[in-house]
Amino acid sequence: GDGQIGPARAAQAAMRQIVELTGKNPEGVTAVAPAEDGWTASVEVVEDRRVPSSADVMAIYEAMISADGELQSYRRVSRYSRGRGDGGGSS
């Protein structure tokens, strides 16, 4: 190999690092895109568990993963109720 990881491994690395840093439960990776020196991945997590689970507070974290699979940076880009989803439109 040339030391470059692919999108699937970048997504796995992002999810693993976000979980390690935040202590939150991951729901999955919602996006992976090539970046200048690696990958950008969006990881959905349960930010705050509620009862019922449809009231859970969810969050999307964006992680920058280097070409060799190391976390460069991360940030929370959105937070929402599980029942509302990404759309945020009228119900």
C-alpha atoms as a PDB file:
ATOM      1  CA  GLY A   1       0.000   0.000   0.000  1.00  0.00           C
ATOM      2  CA  ASP A   2       0.925   3.648  -0.365  1.00  0.00           C
ATOM      3  CA  GLY A   3      -0.013   4.480   3.236  1.00  0.00           C
ATOM      4  CA  GLN A   4      -3.322   5.974   2.118  1.00  0.00           C
ATOM      5  CA  ILE A   5      -6.490   4.643   3.728  1.00  0.00           C
ATOM      6  CA  GLY A   6      -9.767   4.368   1.854  1.00  0.00           C
ATOM      7  CA  PRO A   7     -13.180   5.775   2.773  1.00  0.00           C
ATOM      8  CA  ALA A   8     -14.361   2.714   4.735  1.00  0.00           C
ATOM      9  CA  ARG A   9     -11.281   2.713   6.973  1.00  0.00           C
ATOM     10  CA  ALA A  10     -11.486   6.495   7.374  1.00  0.00           C
ATOM     11  CA  ALA A  11     -15.116   6.126   8.505  1.00  0.00           C
ATOM     12  CA  GLN A  12     -14.170   3.419  11.016  1.00  0.00           C
ATOM     13  CA  ALA A  13     -11.301   5.536  12.358  1.00  0.00           C
ATOM     14  CA  ALA A  14     -13.584   8.574  12.702  1.00  0.00           C
ATOM     15  CA  MET A  15     -16.259   6.645  14.572  1.00  0.00           C
ATOM     16  CA  ARG A  16     -13.721   5.006  16.896  1.00  0.00           C
ATOM     17  CA  GLN A  17     -12.030   8.339  17.710  1.00  0.00           C
ATOM     18  CA  ILE A  18     -15.288  10.274  18.249  1.00  0.00           C
ATOM     19  CA  VAL A  19     -16.527   7.574  20.639  1.00  0.00           C
ATOM     20  CA  GLU A  20     -13.202   7.585  22.500  1.00  0.00           C
ATOM     21  CA  LEU A  21     -13.128  11.378  22.847  1.00  0.00           C
ATOM     22  CA  THR A  22     -16.791  12.045  23.634  1.00  0.00           C
ATOM     23  CA  GLY A  23     -17.833   8.854  25.424  1.00  0.00           C
ATOM     24  CA  LYS A  24     -21.070   8.934  23.398  1.00  0.00           C
ATOM     25  CA  ASN A  25     -22.773   5.938  21.775  1.00  0.00           C
ATOM     26  CA  PRO A  26     -22.396   5.952  17.978  1.00  0.00           C
ATOM     27  CA  GLU A  27     -25.343   5.412  15.661  1.00  0.00           C
ATOM     28  CA  GLY A  28     -23.188   5.322  12.541  1.00  0.00           C
ATOM     29  CA  VAL A  29     -21.289   7.274   9.936  1.00  0.00           C
ATOM     30  CA  THR A  30     -23.563   9.501   7.869  1.00  0.00           C
ATOM     31  CA  ALA A  31     -21.009  10.830   5.353  1.00  0.00           C
ATOM     32  CA  VAL A  32     -17.414  10.387   4.174  1.00  0.00           C
ATOM     33  CA  ALA A  33     -15.751  12.711   1.682  1.00  0.00           C
ATOM     34  CA  PRO A  34     -12.206  13.173   0.427  1.00  0.00           C
ATOM     35  CA  ALA A  35     -10.362  16.130   1.942  1.00  0.00           C
ATOM     36  CA  GLU A  36      -7.102  17.809   1.001  1.00  0.00           C
ATOM     37  CA  ASP A  37      -4.911  15.553   3.149  1.00  0.00           C
ATOM     38  CA  GLY A  38      -7.248  12.665   3.978  1.00  0.00           C
ATOM     39  CA  TRP A  39     -10.965  12.388   4.690  1.00  0.00           C
ATOM     40  CA  THR A  40     -13.834  14.200   6.365  1.00  0.00           C
ATOM     41  CA  ALA A  41     -16.368  11.932   8.075  1.00  0.00           C
ATOM     42  CA  SER A  42     -19.647  12.748   9.817  1.00  0.00           C
ATOM     43  CA  VAL A  43     -20.533  10.526  12.775  1.00  0.00           C
ATOM     44  CA  GLU A  44     -23.998  10.456  14.347  1.00  0.00           C
ATOM     45  CA  VAL A  45     -24.076   9.823  18.105  1.00  0.00           C
ATOM     46  CA  VAL A  46     -26.639   9.709  20.902  1.00  0.00           C
ATOM     47  CA  GLU A  47     -25.816  12.921  22.762  1.00  0.00           C
ATOM     48  CA  ASP A  48     -28.393  12.451  25.537  1.00  0.00           C
ATOM     49  CA  ARG A  49     -30.507   9.342  26.185  1.00  0.00           C
ATOM     50  CA  ARG A  50     -34.166  10.012  26.993  1.00  0.00           C
ATOM     51  CA  VAL A  51     -37.284   7.989  27.687  1.00  0.00           C
ATOM     52  CA  PRO A  52     -38.864   7.224  25.305  1.00  0.00           C
ATOM     53  CA  SER A  53     -35.897   6.708  22.970  1.00  0.00           C
ATOM     54  CA  SER A  54     -37.694   8.715  20.275  1.00  0.00           C
ATOM     55  CA  ALA A  55     -36.930  11.756  22.466  1.00  0.00           C
ATOM     56  CA  ASP A  56     -33.138  11.094  22.482  1.00  0.00           C
ATOM     57  CA  VAL A  57     -30.952  14.079  21.661  1.00  0.00           C
ATOM     58  CA  MET A  58     -28.715  13.243  18.698  1.00  0.00           C
ATOM     59  CA  ALA A  59     -25.605  14.975  17.389  1.00  0.00           C
ATOM     60  CA  ILE A  60     -23.461  14.930  14.288  1.00  0.00           C
ATOM     61  CA  TYR A  61     -19.703  15.232  14.765  1.00  0.00           C
ATOM     62  CA  GLU A  62     -17.445  16.006  11.832  1.00  0.00           C
ATOM     63  CA  ALA A  63     -13.979  14.444  11.989  1.00  0.00           C
ATOM     64  CA  MET A  64     -10.946  15.183   9.839  1.00  0.00           C
ATOM     65  CA  ILE A  65      -8.950  11.976   9.309  1.00  0.00           C
ATOM     66  CA  SER A  66      -5.443  12.104   7.829  1.00  0.00           C
ATOM     67  CA  ALA A  67      -4.407   9.955   4.862  1.00  0.00           C
ATOM     68  CA  ASP A  68      -2.772   7.518   7.300  1.00  0.00           C
ATOM     69  CA  GLY A  69      -5.889   7.204   9.482  1.00  0.00           C
ATOM     70  CA  GLU A  70      -5.094   9.589  12.348  1.00  0.00           C
ATOM     71  CA  LEU A  71      -7.647  12.015  13.759  1.00  0.00           C
ATOM     72  CA  GLN A  72      -6.623  15.607  12.936  1.00  0.00           C
ATOM     73  CA  SER A  73      -9.623  17.450  14.399  1.00  0.00           C
ATOM     74  CA  TYR A  74     -13.294  17.070  15.234  1.00  0.00           C
ATOM     75  CA  ARG A  75     -16.243  19.285  16.063  1.00  0.00           C
ATOM     76  CA  ARG A  76     -19.954  18.956  16.754  1.00  0.00           C
ATOM     77  CA  VAL A  77     -21.799  20.413  13.789  1.00  0.00           C
ATOM     78  CA  SER A  78     -25.422  19.808  14.784  1.00  0.00           C
ATOM     79  CA  ARG A  79     -27.677  18.631  17.576  1.00  0.00           C
ATOM     80  CA  TYR A  80     -31.328  17.614  17.255  1.00  0.00           C
ATOM     81  CA  SER A  81     -34.096  15.442  18.684  1.00  0.00           C
ATOM     82  CA  ARG A  82     -34.130  11.904  17.261  1.00  0.00           C
ATOM     83  CA  GLY A  83     -37.735  12.305  16.116  1.00  0.00           C
ATOM     84  CA  ARG A  84     -36.905  15.442  14.099  1.00  0.00           C
ATOM     85  CA  GLY A  85     -34.055  14.024  12.022  1.00  0.00           C
ATOM     86  CA  ASP A  86     -31.806  16.116   9.775  1.00  0.00           C
ATOM     87  CA  GLY A  87     -34.547  17.893   7.832  1.00  0.00           C
ATOM     88  CA  GLY A  88     -35.731  20.292  10.513  1.00  0.00           C
ATOM     89  CA  GLY A  89     -38.682  21.112   8.254  1.00  0.00           C
ATOM     90  CA  SER A  90     -42.356  21.279   9.130  1.00  0.00           C
ATOM     91  CA  SER A  91     -43.973  18.143  10.529  1.00  0.00           C
END
